[in-house]
Amino acid sequence: MRFAIITAAAARYSTIVVVTIGVILGAFLAMHPPAATTAAYAQSTATTANGSTGPADFNIAAVGDWGCTSDTMDTVDNIISKSPEVVIGLGDDAYEPDVDCWFDIVEPIDDIMKNVIGNHEIDDGTLDEILEHYNDDYQSKQYYAFSHENVRIIVMSTEVDYNTGSAQYSFVQSELEDAVADPSIDWIIVAMHRQMYGSPTGPVDHPEAGLRDAYHPLFQKYGVDLVLYGHNHNYERTYPLNFSSDDDTDEPFITTREATNYLNPDGQIFITIGTGGEDSFGFHDRKPYVVSQFDEGFGFLDITVTDGGKRLVGIFYENDGSIEDDFTVTKEGGV
């Protein structure tokens, strides 16, 4: 009898122990998920030094004025070596009526390409073929917008009406309003082909004053971070600039003379990246609002968003692997 009681008690005790261990193990697994789950989460988020979370590091490539040359092939190889998630092609693709040569060269990055229409797509008669080739949810028109992680990218066309009151102007303004109102967006990048600001070269002496006058006040109002374009076959970066309403709007206000590191900068940084592979244009001068120039080769701008999405690092990589320019923009305090 005593043995039976002891056996029954032991059974009840074993049940309690098993249940207790199960509860503890379940709580531990909830607090410490398996490695596979943690790894999947790490692919899309990161934790900053102050404990806040944001997107994991990612990068975007940008360059225009490609052509169909061996230098174009080197530019594509250079881009591939940095493994971007998006490539922004800044227009002027093939430089000839048969665009297939360009499609063949950029084929390795074709599925991540977001293309800008340049003047050569109009002049060479390749517009329809390019629009059909990139006819996805965004690129069926010459101007469009899309988001990648915490970046809103607005692609404009300088080859159709962009003046105040145009359909494109209304589209850009609406996209900027939506981007500013979206709490998931920390950065706004605008891409186009023709320049708003730039130093003179032989073939391209004057940036587009009408483009500048219509859009820089708009970009300033909504806090655009970077404005990217090509058209001039070289690389050039400005200081952060505010619009000047004086008679000569090509004399903008330079908000800081800091060359490379910006914390919550006031104004927009304008960058020419016409270094895809077509013949380079040498600079004749340097505008006072320009901080960096390069006209002796080819390459692309790599834009990396890091530190939980709050820091943007731009590096211009020449095709020989050298770094010709770099800058960092950091946002703090909910800017």
Protein backbone atom coordinates (compact mmCIF):
# COMPACT_ATOMS: atom_id res chain seq x y z
CA MET A 1 0.00 0.00 0.00
CA ARG A 2 2.78 2.40 0.98
CA PHE A 3 4.63 1.53 -2.24
CA ALA A 4 1.52 2.31 -4.36
CA ILE A 5 1.10 5.73 -2.68
CA ILE A 6 4.77 6.56 -3.24
CA THR A 7 4.49 5.49 -6.93
CA ALA A 8 1.41 7.65 -7.50
CA ALA A 9 3.06 10.65 -5.84
CA ALA A 10 6.15 10.21 -7.97
CA ALA A 11 4.02 10.14 -11.13
CA ARG A 12 2.26 13.37 -10.15
CA TYR A 13 5.62 14.98 -9.35
CA SER A 14 7.03 13.92 -12.75
CA THR A 15 4.03 15.47 -14.49
CA ILE A 16 4.54 18.76 -12.63
CA VAL A 17 8.24 18.78 -13.51
CA VAL A 18 7.59 18.13 -17.22
CA VAL A 19 4.90 20.83 -17.41
CA THR A 20 7.14 23.31 -15.59
CA ILE A 21 10.10 22.60 -17.86
CA GLY A 22 7.84 22.98 -20.92
CA VAL A 23 6.63 26.40 -19.75
CA ILE A 24 10.18 27.57 -19.08
CA LEU A 25 11.43 26.27 -22.46
CA GLY A 26 8.57 27.95 -24.29
CA ALA A 27 9.33 31.28 -22.65
CA PHE A 28 13.04 30.93 -23.49
CA LEU A 29 12.33 30.21 -27.16
CA ALA A 30 9.98 33.19 -27.37
CA MET A 31 12.74 35.45 -26.07
CA HIS A 32 15.47 33.76 -28.13
CA PRO A 33 14.15 32.66 -31.54
CA PRO A 34 16.05 30.06 -33.56
CA ALA A 35 18.94 31.28 -35.68
CA ALA A 36 17.01 30.95 -38.95
CA THR A 37 14.27 33.34 -37.75
CA THR A 38 16.78 35.84 -36.44
CA ALA A 39 18.74 35.77 -39.70
CA ALA A 40 15.60 36.41 -41.76
CA TYR A 41 14.76 39.39 -39.58
CA ALA A 42 18.30 40.77 -39.88
CA GLN A 43 17.97 40.91 -43.64
CA SER A 44 15.41 43.72 -43.44
CA THR A 45 16.17 45.53 -40.19
CA ALA A 46 19.13 46.74 -38.20
CA THR A 47 19.64 48.14 -34.71
CA THR A 48 21.50 51.41 -34.31
CA ALA A 49 23.86 52.35 -31.50
CA ASN A 50 21.05 54.08 -29.60
CA GLY A 51 18.85 50.98 -29.79
CA SER A 52 16.43 52.17 -32.48
CA THR A 53 15.68 49.93 -35.45
CA GLY A 54 15.52 50.66 -39.14
CA PRO A 55 16.30 49.02 -42.47
CA ALA A 56 19.47 47.02 -42.85
CA ASP A 57 22.22 48.66 -44.90
CA PHE A 58 21.51 48.85 -48.62
CA ASN A 59 22.95 50.72 -51.59
CA ILE A 60 21.78 52.39 -54.78
CA ALA A 61 23.94 53.05 -57.87
CA ALA A 62 23.47 56.07 -60.14
CA VAL A 63 25.07 57.07 -63.46
CA GLY A 64 24.07 58.29 -66.91
CA ASP A 65 25.42 59.02 -70.40
CA TRP A 66 26.40 55.43 -71.03
CA GLY A 67 27.02 54.76 -74.72
CA CYS A 68 28.06 51.38 -76.09
CA THR A 69 31.80 51.36 -75.44
CA SER A 70 34.35 49.32 -73.54
CA ASP A 71 34.16 52.01 -70.85
CA THR A 72 30.43 51.33 -70.56
CA MET A 73 31.21 47.66 -69.97
CA ASP A 74 33.71 48.66 -67.28
CA THR A 75 31.10 50.85 -65.61
CA VAL A 76 28.64 47.95 -65.48
CA ASP A 77 31.33 45.69 -63.99
CA ASN A 78 32.16 48.41 -61.46
CA ILE A 79 28.50 48.64 -60.44
CA ILE A 80 28.16 44.86 -60.14
CA SER A 81 31.19 44.75 -57.83
CA LYS A 82 29.31 46.89 -55.27
CA SER A 83 26.10 44.77 -55.37
CA PRO A 84 23.49 47.55 -55.42
CA GLU A 85 19.81 46.80 -54.94
CA VAL A 86 18.74 49.53 -57.37
CA VAL A 87 20.49 51.18 -60.34
CA ILE A 88 19.26 54.61 -61.42
CA GLY A 89 20.19 55.16 -65.06
CA LEU A 90 20.31 58.92 -65.61
CA GLY A 91 19.51 58.96 -69.31
CA ASP A 92 21.28 59.05 -72.69
CA ASP A 93 21.64 55.32 -73.09
CA ALA A 94 22.88 54.02 -76.45
CA TYR A 95 23.82 57.19 -78.38
CA GLU A 96 22.70 55.49 -81.59
CA PRO A 97 19.43 54.45 -83.25
CA ASP A 98 19.94 50.77 -82.38
CA VAL A 99 19.54 50.56 -78.61
CA ASP A 100 20.19 46.82 -78.51
CA CYS A 101 23.91 47.38 -78.00
CA TRP A 102 23.13 49.12 -74.72
CA PHE A 103 20.56 46.55 -73.65
CA ASP A 104 23.22 43.86 -74.17
CA ILE A 105 25.83 45.68 -72.06
CA VAL A 106 23.51 46.45 -69.12
CA GLU A 107 21.81 43.05 -69.20
CA PRO A 108 23.49 41.93 -65.91
CA ILE A 109 21.84 44.85 -64.08
CA ASP A 110 18.73 45.18 -66.22
CA ASP A 111 16.35 43.73 -63.64
CA ILE A 112 17.33 46.36 -61.04
CA MET A 113 17.47 49.31 -63.46
CA LYS A 114 15.19 52.33 -63.04
CA ASN A 115 15.71 54.42 -66.12
CA VAL A 116 15.59 58.17 -66.78
CA ILE A 117 14.80 59.48 -70.26
CA GLY A 118 17.48 61.72 -71.76
CA ASN A 119 17.65 63.91 -74.84
CA HIS A 120 19.39 61.21 -76.90
CA GLU A 121 16.44 58.85 -76.46
CA ILE A 122 14.40 61.53 -78.26
CA ASP A 123 17.06 62.55 -80.80
CA ASP A 124 18.00 58.97 -81.73
CA GLY A 125 14.43 57.70 -81.89
CA THR A 126 14.80 55.03 -79.19
CA LEU A 127 12.21 56.40 -76.72
CA ASP A 128 9.39 53.97 -77.52
CA GLU A 129 11.67 50.94 -77.44
CA ILE A 130 13.12 51.92 -74.07
CA LEU A 131 9.71 52.66 -72.53
CA GLU A 132 8.47 49.28 -73.78
CA HIS A 133 11.56 47.51 -72.44
CA TYR A 134 11.14 48.99 -68.95
CA ASN A 135 7.35 48.81 -68.92
CA ASP A 136 6.89 47.77 -65.28
CA ASP A 137 4.57 49.21 -62.64
CA TYR A 138 6.56 52.44 -62.56
CA GLN A 139 8.31 53.09 -65.85
CA SER A 140 5.46 53.08 -68.37
CA LYS A 141 5.67 56.89 -68.46
CA GLN A 142 8.64 59.23 -68.73
CA TYR A 143 8.19 60.36 -65.12
CA TYR A 144 7.31 58.17 -62.16
CA ALA A 145 8.15 57.51 -58.52
CA PHE A 146 8.87 54.51 -56.32
CA SER A 147 10.14 53.68 -52.85
CA HIS A 148 13.01 51.45 -51.85
CA GLU A 149 13.22 50.79 -48.11
CA ASN A 150 13.09 54.26 -46.50
CA VAL A 151 13.99 56.19 -49.67
CA ARG A 152 11.47 57.81 -52.00
CA ILE A 153 12.88 58.23 -55.51
CA ILE A 154 11.14 60.60 -57.92
CA VAL A 155 12.17 60.24 -61.56
CA MET A 156 11.50 63.29 -63.74
CA SER A 157 11.68 63.80 -67.49
CA THR A 158 13.40 66.91 -68.80
CA GLU A 159 12.22 65.96 -72.31
CA VAL A 160 8.51 66.73 -71.80
CA ASP A 161 6.80 69.79 -70.33
CA TYR A 162 7.99 70.33 -66.78
CA ASN A 163 7.02 73.96 -66.27
CA THR A 164 4.88 75.20 -63.39
CA GLY A 165 1.29 74.18 -64.10
CA SER A 166 2.26 71.16 -66.21
CA ALA A 167 1.05 67.64 -65.46
CA GLN A 168 4.59 66.68 -64.51
CA TYR A 169 4.93 69.56 -62.07
CA SER A 170 1.67 68.55 -60.36
CA PHE A 171 2.87 64.95 -60.21
CA VAL A 172 6.20 65.89 -58.62
CA GLN A 173 4.54 68.19 -56.10
CA SER A 174 2.04 65.49 -55.12
CA GLU A 175 4.79 62.89 -54.74
CA LEU A 176 6.82 65.24 -52.53
CA GLU A 177 3.79 65.93 -50.33
CA ASP A 178 3.15 62.21 -49.94
CA ALA A 179 6.81 61.46 -49.18
CA VAL A 180 6.99 64.09 -46.45
CA ALA A 181 3.77 62.78 -44.89
CA ASP A 182 4.93 59.14 -44.95
CA PRO A 183 6.61 58.22 -41.62
CA SER A 184 8.45 55.33 -43.30
CA ILE A 185 10.36 57.69 -45.63
CA ASP A 186 13.56 59.31 -44.35
CA TRP A 187 15.21 60.29 -47.64
CA ILE A 188 13.99 61.88 -50.86
CA ILE A 189 16.06 61.60 -54.04
CA VAL A 190 15.09 63.21 -57.35
CA ALA A 191 16.60 61.94 -60.61
CA MET A 192 16.47 63.61 -64.04
CA HIS A 193 18.70 64.02 -67.08
CA ARG A 194 19.44 67.69 -67.71
CA GLN A 195 21.26 69.77 -65.10
CA MET A 196 19.88 72.36 -62.72
CA TYR A 197 23.32 73.52 -61.60
CA GLY A 198 26.78 72.88 -62.99
CA SER A 199 30.09 74.28 -64.15
CA PRO A 200 30.67 75.04 -67.86
CA THR A 201 32.24 72.60 -70.29
CA GLY A 202 32.58 72.81 -74.05
CA PRO A 203 29.37 71.08 -75.21
CA VAL A 204 27.22 72.01 -72.15
CA ASP A 205 27.76 75.59 -71.04
CA HIS A 206 24.50 76.40 -69.30
CA PRO A 207 22.28 74.35 -66.98
CA GLU A 208 18.53 74.62 -67.49
CA ALA A 209 17.41 77.89 -65.86
CA GLY A 210 13.72 77.10 -66.28
CA LEU A 211 14.16 73.72 -64.61
CA ARG A 212 16.06 75.31 -61.74
CA ASP A 213 13.57 78.15 -61.25
CA ALA A 214 10.56 75.83 -61.25
CA TYR A 215 11.86 73.02 -59.08
CA HIS A 216 14.53 74.15 -56.67
CA PRO A 217 12.00 76.14 -54.57
CA LEU A 218 9.78 73.05 -54.57
CA PHE A 219 12.65 70.75 -53.57
CA GLN A 220 13.65 73.17 -50.83
CA LYS A 221 10.08 73.39 -49.49
CA TYR A 222 9.76 69.62 -49.14
CA GLY A 223 13.30 68.87 -48.00
CA VAL A 224 14.66 66.88 -50.94
CA ASP A 225 18.06 65.44 -50.01
CA LEU A 226 19.81 64.67 -53.32
CA VAL A 227 19.16 65.73 -56.91
CA LEU A 228 20.92 63.50 -59.45
CA TYR A 229 21.40 64.07 -63.17
CA GLY A 230 23.75 63.52 -66.11
CA HIS A 231 23.83 65.30 -69.51
CA ASN A 232 27.28 66.77 -68.87
CA HIS A 233 29.81 63.96 -69.29
CA ASN A 234 31.68 64.34 -66.01
CA TYR A 235 31.16 64.17 -62.25
CA GLU A 236 30.39 67.17 -60.08
CA ARG A 237 28.89 67.70 -56.61
CA THR A 238 27.66 70.91 -55.04
CA TYR A 239 27.54 72.08 -51.46
CA PRO A 240 24.04 72.00 -49.91
CA LEU A 241 22.23 74.83 -51.68
CA ASN A 242 19.17 76.99 -51.12
CA PHE A 243 17.42 78.69 -54.01
CA SER A 244 18.24 82.30 -54.84
CA SER A 245 15.38 84.39 -56.16
CA ASP A 246 17.78 87.07 -57.42
CA ASP A 247 17.94 87.89 -61.12
CA ASP A 248 20.69 85.28 -61.59
CA THR A 249 19.35 82.11 -60.02
CA ASP A 250 22.59 80.35 -60.93
CA GLU A 251 24.05 81.97 -57.82
CA PRO A 252 22.30 79.93 -55.10
CA PHE A 253 22.89 80.31 -51.38
CA ILE A 254 25.60 77.99 -50.11
CA THR A 255 24.32 76.95 -46.67
CA THR A 256 27.60 75.39 -45.48
CA ARG A 257 31.17 75.21 -46.71
CA GLU A 258 31.66 71.81 -45.11
CA ALA A 259 33.03 69.58 -47.86
CA THR A 260 32.18 66.02 -46.86
CA ASN A 261 30.23 65.57 -43.59
CA TYR A 262 26.73 66.98 -43.16
CA LEU A 263 24.48 66.76 -40.11
CA ASN A 264 20.87 67.70 -40.88
CA PRO A 265 22.00 69.95 -43.75
CA ASP A 266 19.90 72.88 -44.91
CA GLY A 267 19.48 72.73 -48.67
CA GLN A 268 19.84 70.25 -51.49
CA ILE A 269 22.99 68.57 -52.84
CA PHE A 270 23.05 68.48 -56.66
CA ILE A 271 25.22 65.85 -58.33
CA THR A 272 26.12 65.40 -62.00
CA ILE A 273 27.03 61.79 -62.85
CA GLY A 274 27.41 61.69 -66.62
CA THR A 275 30.26 59.21 -66.47
CA GLY A 276 28.72 56.00 -67.79
CA GLY A 277 31.05 55.51 -70.75
CA GLU A 278 30.43 58.11 -73.47
CA ASP A 279 33.29 60.56 -74.18
CA SER A 280 34.14 62.83 -71.23
CA PHE A 281 33.65 66.60 -71.25
CA GLY A 282 36.44 68.61 -69.61
CA PHE A 283 35.58 71.45 -67.26
CA HIS A 284 36.39 75.02 -68.33
CA ASP A 285 35.72 76.51 -64.91
CA ARG A 286 34.43 75.72 -61.43
CA LYS A 287 31.32 77.35 -60.08
CA PRO A 288 31.70 78.69 -56.50
CA TYR A 289 28.90 76.40 -55.28
CA VAL A 290 30.77 73.27 -56.44
CA VAL A 291 32.78 71.24 -53.93
CA SER A 292 34.03 68.34 -56.09
CA GLN A 293 34.81 67.76 -59.79
CA PHE A 294 36.09 64.85 -61.86
CA ASP A 295 36.44 64.81 -65.67
CA GLU A 296 39.24 62.33 -66.35
CA GLY A 297 37.46 59.01 -66.59
CA PHE A 298 34.34 56.97 -65.94
CA GLY A 299 32.56 55.52 -62.95
CA PHE A 300 29.38 55.75 -60.89
CA LEU A 301 27.99 57.12 -57.62
CA ASP A 302 27.31 54.53 -54.94
CA ILE A 303 24.73 55.68 -52.38
CA THR A 304 24.67 53.56 -49.22
CA VAL A 305 22.01 54.04 -46.55
CA THR A 306 23.30 52.79 -43.24
CA ASP A 307 23.03 53.18 -39.45
CA GLY A 308 19.42 52.03 -39.31
CA GLY A 309 18.48 54.21 -42.27
CA LYS A 310 19.65 57.50 -40.74
CA ARG A 311 22.97 57.95 -42.53
CA LEU A 312 23.61 58.28 -46.27
CA VAL A 313 27.11 57.77 -47.64
CA GLY A 314 27.92 58.73 -51.22
CA ILE A 315 31.09 57.47 -52.91
CA PHE A 316 32.09 58.03 -56.52
CA TYR A 317 34.04 54.98 -57.67
CA GLU A 318 36.12 55.41 -60.80
CA ASN A 319 36.23 52.30 -62.96
CA ASP A 320 39.84 51.61 -61.96
CA GLY A 321 38.63 51.19 -58.37
CA SER A 322 39.83 54.54 -57.03
CA ILE A 323 37.57 56.83 -54.99
CA GLU A 324 37.26 60.31 -56.53
CA ASP A 325 34.70 61.75 -54.11
CA ASP A 326 32.88 60.84 -50.91
CA PHE A 327 30.41 62.53 -48.58
CA THR A 328 28.13 61.64 -45.67
CA VAL A 329 24.73 63.02 -44.70
CA THR A 330 23.37 62.17 -41.25
CA LYS A 331 19.86 62.85 -39.96
CA GLU A 332 19.21 63.20 -36.26
CA GLY A 333 16.34 64.41 -34.12
CA GLY A 334 13.52 63.30 -36.39
CA VAL A 335 14.56 65.50 -39.31
